[in-house]
């Protein structure tokens, strides 16, 4: 069976490291699906869920708040400032942060405040969507 080494790394820790048969994640220009022996690639990724199909057929979900993806024929590396294991996502916290971002968006007084609030809102919406995908898969 063909496999590929997958490493998902946040600024604080290694979130996932292991062999996989397939990985899907939100690329900058759309959803990416990666199998072993994929063409080398470096690209930015959007906030969303990284779905890792492990060699035993089970799936691992990791939420990333954007980042960089590097693909080599036998290795995938996902680098993200923020990455959270699917099982560790907290919907109440994410919903509260989404509300705070919406409030900040309403009260933005400068272009920088507006951009920061829009970015935070996009991340929280993606995190809530990733949490729902994780729950459906279980």
N, C-alpha and C. Protein backbone atom coordinates (compact mmCIF):
# COMPACT_ATOMS: atom_id res chain seq x y z
N UNK A 1 0.84 -1.18 0.00
CA UNK A 1 0.00 0.00 0.00
C UNK A 1 0.88 1.24 0.00
N UNK A 2 0.56 2.20 -0.87
CA UNK A 2 1.29 3.47 -0.91
C UNK A 2 0.84 4.36 0.25
N UNK A 3 1.83 4.93 0.93
CA UNK A 3 1.54 5.86 2.01
C UNK A 3 2.44 7.08 1.88
N UNK A 4 2.07 8.11 2.63
CA UNK A 4 2.84 9.34 2.64
C UNK A 4 2.95 9.82 4.09
N UNK A 5 4.12 10.30 4.47
CA UNK A 5 4.32 10.83 5.81
C UNK A 5 3.66 12.21 5.89
N UNK A 6 2.88 12.42 6.96
CA UNK A 6 2.18 13.70 7.15
C UNK A 6 2.58 14.28 8.50
N UNK A 7 2.98 15.54 8.47
CA UNK A 7 3.28 16.28 9.70
C UNK A 7 2.48 17.57 9.69
N UNK A 8 1.69 17.79 10.75
CA UNK A 8 0.95 19.02 10.92
C UNK A 8 1.53 19.69 12.17
N UNK A 9 2.06 20.90 11.98
CA UNK A 9 2.80 21.58 13.03
C UNK A 9 2.20 22.96 13.28
N UNK A 10 1.96 23.27 14.57
CA UNK A 10 1.53 24.62 14.94
C UNK A 10 2.74 25.35 15.49
N UNK A 11 2.54 26.60 15.85
CA UNK A 11 3.63 27.39 16.42
C UNK A 11 4.08 26.81 17.76
N UNK A 12 3.20 26.06 18.43
CA UNK A 12 3.49 25.54 19.75
C UNK A 12 3.91 24.07 19.80
N UNK A 13 3.39 23.25 18.87
CA UNK A 13 3.66 21.82 18.99
C UNK A 13 3.40 21.07 17.69
N UNK A 14 3.86 19.84 17.67
CA UNK A 14 3.55 18.91 16.58
C UNK A 14 2.15 18.36 16.87
N UNK A 15 1.21 18.63 15.98
CA UNK A 15 -0.18 18.24 16.19
C UNK A 15 -0.45 16.82 15.69
N UNK A 16 0.13 16.48 14.55
CA UNK A 16 -0.05 15.14 13.98
C UNK A 16 1.22 14.76 13.24
N UNK A 17 1.63 13.52 13.40
CA UNK A 17 2.73 12.97 12.63
C UNK A 17 2.44 11.50 12.42
N UNK A 18 2.37 11.08 11.16
CA UNK A 18 2.10 9.69 10.87
C UNK A 18 1.94 9.43 9.39
N UNK A 19 1.75 8.17 9.08
CA UNK A 19 1.56 7.75 7.69
C UNK A 19 0.09 7.88 7.30
N UNK A 20 -0.15 8.24 6.05
CA UNK A 20 -1.52 8.40 5.55
C UNK A 20 -1.63 7.88 4.13
N UNK A 21 -2.88 7.58 3.75
CA UNK A 21 -3.16 7.17 2.37
C UNK A 21 -3.62 8.36 1.53
N UNK A 22 -4.18 9.38 2.21
CA UNK A 22 -4.76 10.53 1.49
C UNK A 22 -4.89 11.69 2.46
N UNK A 23 -4.72 12.91 1.95
CA UNK A 23 -4.91 14.12 2.76
C UNK A 23 -5.71 15.13 1.93
N UNK A 24 -6.71 15.75 2.56
CA UNK A 24 -7.49 16.81 1.91
C UNK A 24 -7.43 18.04 2.80
N UNK A 25 -7.24 19.22 2.19
CA UNK A 25 -7.16 20.46 2.95
C UNK A 25 -7.53 21.64 2.08
N UNK A 26 -7.83 22.79 2.73
CA UNK A 26 -8.28 23.97 1.98
C UNK A 26 -7.10 24.77 1.42
N UNK A 27 -6.81 24.58 0.17
CA UNK A 27 -5.75 25.36 -0.48
C UNK A 27 -6.21 26.77 -0.76
N UNK A 28 -5.29 27.61 -1.09
CA UNK A 28 -5.61 29.02 -1.36
C UNK A 28 -6.62 29.17 -2.50
N UNK A 29 -6.51 28.31 -3.51
CA UNK A 29 -7.39 28.42 -4.68
C UNK A 29 -8.50 27.38 -4.68
N UNK A 30 -8.65 26.62 -3.59
CA UNK A 30 -9.69 25.60 -3.52
C UNK A 30 -9.20 24.37 -2.78
N UNK A 31 -10.07 23.40 -2.64
CA UNK A 31 -9.76 22.18 -1.90
C UNK A 31 -8.68 21.38 -2.63
N UNK A 32 -7.70 20.90 -1.86
CA UNK A 32 -6.62 20.08 -2.40
C UNK A 32 -6.75 18.66 -1.88
N UNK A 33 -6.52 17.70 -2.75
CA UNK A 33 -6.46 16.29 -2.36
C UNK A 33 -5.09 15.76 -2.74
N UNK A 34 -4.42 15.13 -1.79
CA UNK A 34 -3.04 14.71 -2.02
C UNK A 34 -2.89 13.22 -1.72
N UNK A 35 -2.40 12.50 -2.70
CA UNK A 35 -2.07 11.08 -2.56
C UNK A 35 -0.55 10.92 -2.51
N UNK A 36 -0.07 9.76 -2.09
CA UNK A 36 1.38 9.51 -2.14
C UNK A 36 1.91 9.74 -3.56
N UNK A 37 3.16 10.16 -3.64
CA UNK A 37 3.88 10.44 -4.89
C UNK A 37 3.30 11.64 -5.64
N UNK A 38 2.69 12.56 -4.90
CA UNK A 38 2.15 13.78 -5.50
C UNK A 38 3.31 14.64 -6.01
N UNK A 39 3.06 15.42 -7.01
CA UNK A 39 4.04 16.38 -7.53
C UNK A 39 4.43 17.37 -6.43
N UNK A 40 5.70 17.71 -6.29
CA UNK A 40 6.10 18.70 -5.28
C UNK A 40 5.32 20.01 -5.45
N UNK A 41 5.01 20.62 -4.30
CA UNK A 41 4.15 21.79 -4.29
C UNK A 41 4.38 22.56 -3.01
N UNK A 42 4.38 23.88 -3.10
CA UNK A 42 4.34 24.74 -1.93
C UNK A 42 3.25 25.77 -2.20
N UNK A 43 2.33 25.92 -1.23
CA UNK A 43 1.23 26.86 -1.39
C UNK A 43 0.73 27.31 -0.03
N UNK A 44 0.03 28.41 -0.02
CA UNK A 44 -0.65 28.85 1.20
C UNK A 44 -1.95 28.07 1.33
N UNK A 45 -2.38 27.92 2.58
CA UNK A 45 -3.67 27.28 2.83
C UNK A 45 -4.57 28.24 3.59
N UNK A 46 -5.86 28.07 3.37
CA UNK A 46 -6.87 28.89 4.03
C UNK A 46 -7.27 28.24 5.36
N UNK A 47 -7.95 28.98 6.23
CA UNK A 47 -8.48 28.36 7.44
C UNK A 47 -9.46 27.26 7.09
N UNK A 48 -9.38 26.15 7.81
CA UNK A 48 -10.31 25.05 7.57
C UNK A 48 -9.77 23.74 8.11
N UNK A 49 -10.41 22.67 7.69
CA UNK A 49 -10.10 21.34 8.19
C UNK A 49 -9.09 20.62 7.30
N UNK A 50 -8.10 20.02 7.93
CA UNK A 50 -7.20 19.10 7.25
C UNK A 50 -7.72 17.71 7.58
N UNK A 51 -8.08 16.95 6.55
CA UNK A 51 -8.60 15.59 6.74
C UNK A 51 -7.52 14.61 6.33
N UNK A 52 -7.11 13.77 7.28
CA UNK A 52 -6.03 12.81 7.04
C UNK A 52 -6.61 11.41 7.11
N UNK A 53 -6.56 10.69 5.98
CA UNK A 53 -7.00 9.30 5.97
C UNK A 53 -5.79 8.44 6.32
N UNK A 54 -5.82 7.88 7.52
CA UNK A 54 -4.68 7.10 8.00
C UNK A 54 -4.65 5.72 7.34
N UNK A 55 -3.55 5.02 7.52
CA UNK A 55 -3.36 3.73 6.85
C UNK A 55 -4.36 2.67 7.30
N UNK A 56 -4.91 2.81 8.53
CA UNK A 56 -5.89 1.83 9.01
C UNK A 56 -7.31 2.16 8.57
N UNK A 57 -7.47 3.21 7.75
CA UNK A 57 -8.78 3.59 7.23
C UNK A 57 -9.51 4.62 8.08
N UNK A 58 -9.03 4.89 9.28
CA UNK A 58 -9.66 5.91 10.11
C UNK A 58 -9.21 7.29 9.64
N UNK A 59 -9.94 8.30 10.08
CA UNK A 59 -9.61 9.67 9.69
C UNK A 59 -9.25 10.51 10.90
N UNK A 60 -8.32 11.40 10.69
CA UNK A 60 -7.91 12.38 11.70
C UNK A 60 -8.24 13.75 11.12
N UNK A 61 -8.87 14.60 11.94
CA UNK A 61 -9.18 15.97 11.51
C UNK A 61 -8.36 16.94 12.34
N UNK A 62 -7.82 17.96 11.68
CA UNK A 62 -7.09 19.02 12.36
C UNK A 62 -7.58 20.34 11.77
N UNK A 63 -7.96 21.28 12.64
CA UNK A 63 -8.32 22.61 12.17
C UNK A 63 -7.05 23.44 12.10
N UNK A 64 -6.86 24.14 10.97
CA UNK A 64 -5.74 25.07 10.84
C UNK A 64 -6.31 26.45 10.49
N UNK A 65 -5.69 27.47 11.06
CA UNK A 65 -6.13 28.84 10.82
C UNK A 65 -5.33 29.45 9.67
N UNK A 66 -5.13 28.68 8.62
CA UNK A 66 -4.30 29.11 7.50
C UNK A 66 -2.88 28.62 7.71
N UNK A 67 -2.01 28.92 6.75
CA UNK A 67 -0.62 28.50 6.89
C UNK A 67 0.01 28.18 5.55
N UNK A 68 1.00 27.30 5.62
CA UNK A 68 1.77 26.91 4.45
C UNK A 68 1.74 25.39 4.31
N UNK A 69 1.61 24.92 3.08
CA UNK A 69 1.65 23.50 2.78
C UNK A 69 2.86 23.23 1.89
N UNK A 70 3.64 22.21 2.27
CA UNK A 70 4.72 21.73 1.41
C UNK A 70 4.44 20.27 1.12
N UNK A 71 4.45 19.93 -0.16
CA UNK A 71 4.24 18.54 -0.57
C UNK A 71 5.48 18.07 -1.30
N UNK A 72 6.01 16.95 -0.86
CA UNK A 72 7.08 16.22 -1.55
C UNK A 72 6.50 14.86 -1.89
N UNK A 73 7.10 14.10 -2.80
CA UNK A 73 6.50 12.82 -3.20
C UNK A 73 6.21 11.87 -2.03
N UNK A 74 6.99 11.93 -0.96
CA UNK A 74 6.78 11.02 0.16
C UNK A 74 6.52 11.74 1.48
N UNK A 75 6.22 13.04 1.45
CA UNK A 75 6.02 13.78 2.70
C UNK A 75 5.14 15.00 2.46
N UNK A 76 4.22 15.23 3.41
CA UNK A 76 3.39 16.42 3.43
C UNK A 76 3.68 17.13 4.75
N UNK A 77 3.96 18.43 4.68
CA UNK A 77 4.17 19.22 5.88
C UNK A 77 3.20 20.39 5.85
N UNK A 78 2.41 20.51 6.91
CA UNK A 78 1.48 21.62 7.08
C UNK A 78 1.99 22.46 8.24
N UNK A 79 2.29 23.72 7.97
CA UNK A 79 2.76 24.65 9.00
C UNK A 79 1.68 25.71 9.22
N UNK A 80 1.24 25.87 10.47
CA UNK A 80 0.19 26.83 10.77
C UNK A 80 0.47 27.46 12.13
N UNK A 81 0.22 28.77 12.24
CA UNK A 81 0.35 29.41 13.54
C UNK A 81 -0.58 28.75 14.55
N UNK A 82 -1.79 28.44 14.12
CA UNK A 82 -2.78 27.82 15.00
C UNK A 82 -3.29 26.54 14.34
N UNK A 83 -3.17 25.44 15.06
CA UNK A 83 -3.70 24.15 14.62
C UNK A 83 -4.28 23.46 15.84
N UNK A 84 -5.49 22.91 15.69
CA UNK A 84 -6.19 22.28 16.80
C UNK A 84 -6.72 20.93 16.34
N UNK A 85 -6.45 19.89 17.11
CA UNK A 85 -6.99 18.57 16.80
C UNK A 85 -8.51 18.64 16.80
N UNK A 86 -9.14 17.91 15.89
CA UNK A 86 -10.60 17.93 15.80
C UNK A 86 -11.27 17.62 17.12
N UNK A 87 -10.74 16.65 17.84
CA UNK A 87 -11.35 16.25 19.12
C UNK A 87 -11.21 17.33 20.19
N UNK A 88 -10.31 18.30 20.00
CA UNK A 88 -10.09 19.35 20.97
C UNK A 88 -10.83 20.65 20.65
N UNK A 89 -11.55 20.68 19.53
CA UNK A 89 -12.30 21.88 19.17
C UNK A 89 -13.45 22.10 20.14
N UNK A 90 -13.67 23.33 20.53
CA UNK A 90 -14.70 23.70 21.50
C UNK A 90 -15.70 24.63 20.81
N UNK A 91 -16.90 24.12 20.53
CA UNK A 91 -17.87 24.90 19.78
C UNK A 91 -18.32 26.14 20.55
N UNK A 92 -18.48 26.04 21.85
CA UNK A 92 -18.92 27.20 22.63
C UNK A 92 -17.88 28.32 22.56
N UNK A 93 -16.61 27.95 22.69
CA UNK A 93 -15.53 28.94 22.61
C UNK A 93 -15.47 29.57 21.22
N UNK A 94 -15.59 28.73 20.19
CA UNK A 94 -15.53 29.23 18.81
C UNK A 94 -16.72 30.15 18.51
N UNK A 95 -17.89 29.79 19.00
CA UNK A 95 -19.08 30.62 18.78
C UNK A 95 -18.94 31.96 19.49
N UNK A 96 -18.39 31.94 20.70
CA UNK A 96 -18.16 33.18 21.44
C UNK A 96 -17.14 34.06 20.72
N UNK A 97 -16.06 33.45 20.22
CA UNK A 97 -15.04 34.21 19.48
C UNK A 97 -15.61 34.77 18.19
N UNK A 98 -16.51 34.02 17.54
CA UNK A 98 -17.17 34.50 16.32
C UNK A 98 -18.01 35.73 16.63
N UNK A 99 -18.76 35.68 17.73
CA UNK A 99 -19.58 36.84 18.12
C UNK A 99 -18.70 38.05 18.41
N UNK A 100 -17.58 37.82 19.08
CA UNK A 100 -16.65 38.92 19.37
C UNK A 100 -16.09 39.52 18.08
N UNK A 101 -15.78 38.67 17.11
CA UNK A 101 -15.27 39.15 15.83
C UNK A 101 -16.34 39.95 15.08
N UNK A 102 -17.59 39.48 15.14
CA UNK A 102 -18.68 40.21 14.50
C UNK A 102 -18.86 41.59 15.15
N UNK A 103 -18.75 41.64 16.47
CA UNK A 103 -18.86 42.91 17.18
C UNK A 103 -17.70 43.84 16.81
N UNK A 104 -16.50 43.28 16.74
CA UNK A 104 -15.33 44.08 16.35
C UNK A 104 -15.49 44.61 14.93
N UNK A 105 -16.10 43.81 14.06
CA UNK A 105 -16.34 44.23 12.68
C UNK A 105 -17.28 45.44 12.65
N UNK A 106 -18.33 45.41 13.47
CA UNK A 106 -19.28 46.53 13.54
C UNK A 106 -18.61 47.80 14.07
N UNK A 107 -17.68 47.63 15.00
CA UNK A 107 -17.07 48.77 15.68
C UNK A 107 -15.72 49.18 15.11
N UNK A 108 -15.33 48.62 13.99
CA UNK A 108 -14.02 48.93 13.40
C UNK A 108 -13.94 50.42 13.05
N UNK A 109 -12.87 51.05 13.49
CA UNK A 109 -12.70 52.49 13.27
C UNK A 109 -11.64 52.80 12.21
N UNK A 110 -10.89 51.80 11.81
CA UNK A 110 -9.86 52.02 10.79
C UNK A 110 -9.83 50.81 9.85
N UNK A 111 -9.14 50.99 8.75
CA UNK A 111 -9.00 49.88 7.80
C UNK A 111 -8.29 48.69 8.44
N UNK A 112 -7.34 48.98 9.31
CA UNK A 112 -6.60 47.90 9.99
C UNK A 112 -7.53 47.14 10.93
N UNK A 113 -8.34 47.86 11.69
CA UNK A 113 -9.30 47.21 12.58
C UNK A 113 -10.28 46.36 11.78
N UNK A 114 -10.74 46.89 10.66
CA UNK A 114 -11.68 46.18 9.81
C UNK A 114 -11.05 44.90 9.26
N UNK A 115 -9.84 45.00 8.75
CA UNK A 115 -9.15 43.83 8.20
C UNK A 115 -8.91 42.77 9.28
N UNK A 116 -8.50 43.20 10.46
CA UNK A 116 -8.26 42.27 11.57
C UNK A 116 -9.55 41.55 11.95
N UNK A 117 -10.65 42.28 12.05
CA UNK A 117 -11.94 41.69 12.42
C UNK A 117 -12.43 40.73 11.34
N UNK A 118 -12.27 41.10 10.07
CA UNK A 118 -12.68 40.21 8.98
C UNK A 118 -11.88 38.92 9.01
N UNK A 119 -10.59 39.02 9.25
CA UNK A 119 -9.73 37.85 9.31
C UNK A 119 -10.13 36.94 10.46
N UNK A 120 -10.34 37.51 11.62
CA UNK A 120 -10.74 36.73 12.80
C UNK A 120 -12.09 36.07 12.57
N UNK A 121 -13.02 36.79 11.96
CA UNK A 121 -14.33 36.22 11.67
C UNK A 121 -14.22 35.05 10.70
N UNK A 122 -13.41 35.19 9.66
CA UNK A 122 -13.22 34.09 8.69
C UNK A 122 -12.64 32.85 9.37
N UNK A 123 -11.69 33.05 10.28
CA UNK A 123 -11.09 31.92 10.99
C UNK A 123 -12.12 31.23 11.88
N UNK A 124 -12.94 32.00 12.58
CA UNK A 124 -13.93 31.40 13.49
C UNK A 124 -15.03 30.67 12.71
N UNK A 125 -15.45 31.24 11.59
CA UNK A 125 -16.45 30.56 10.75
C UNK A 125 -15.86 29.24 10.24
N UNK A 126 -14.62 29.26 9.80
CA UNK A 126 -13.96 28.03 9.32
C UNK A 126 -13.80 27.02 10.46
N UNK A 127 -13.51 27.50 11.66
CA UNK A 127 -13.34 26.58 12.79
C UNK A 127 -14.66 25.90 13.13
N UNK A 128 -15.75 26.65 13.14
CA UNK A 128 -17.06 26.07 13.42
C UNK A 128 -17.44 25.06 12.34
N UNK A 129 -17.16 25.38 11.08
CA UNK A 129 -17.44 24.44 9.98
C UNK A 129 -16.59 23.18 10.13
N UNK A 130 -15.32 23.32 10.52
CA UNK A 130 -14.45 22.16 10.72
C UNK A 130 -14.97 21.30 11.87
N UNK A 131 -15.44 21.93 12.92
CA UNK A 131 -15.98 21.19 14.06
C UNK A 131 -17.20 20.37 13.63
N UNK A 132 -18.04 20.96 12.83
CA UNK A 132 -19.23 20.22 12.36
C UNK A 132 -18.85 19.07 11.46
N UNK A 133 -17.83 19.26 10.61
CA UNK A 133 -17.35 18.16 9.75
C UNK A 133 -16.78 17.04 10.60
N UNK A 134 -16.03 17.41 11.64
CA UNK A 134 -15.43 16.42 12.54
C UNK A 134 -16.54 15.61 13.22
N UNK A 135 -17.58 16.27 13.69
CA UNK A 135 -18.68 15.57 14.36
C UNK A 135 -19.41 14.63 13.41
N UNK A 136 -19.61 15.04 12.16
CA UNK A 136 -20.28 14.20 11.18
C UNK A 136 -19.47 12.95 10.87
N UNK A 137 -18.16 13.07 10.86
CA UNK A 137 -17.30 11.94 10.51
C UNK A 137 -17.26 10.90 11.62
N UNK A 138 -17.56 11.32 12.83
CA UNK A 138 -17.50 10.39 13.96
C UNK A 138 -18.69 9.55 14.02
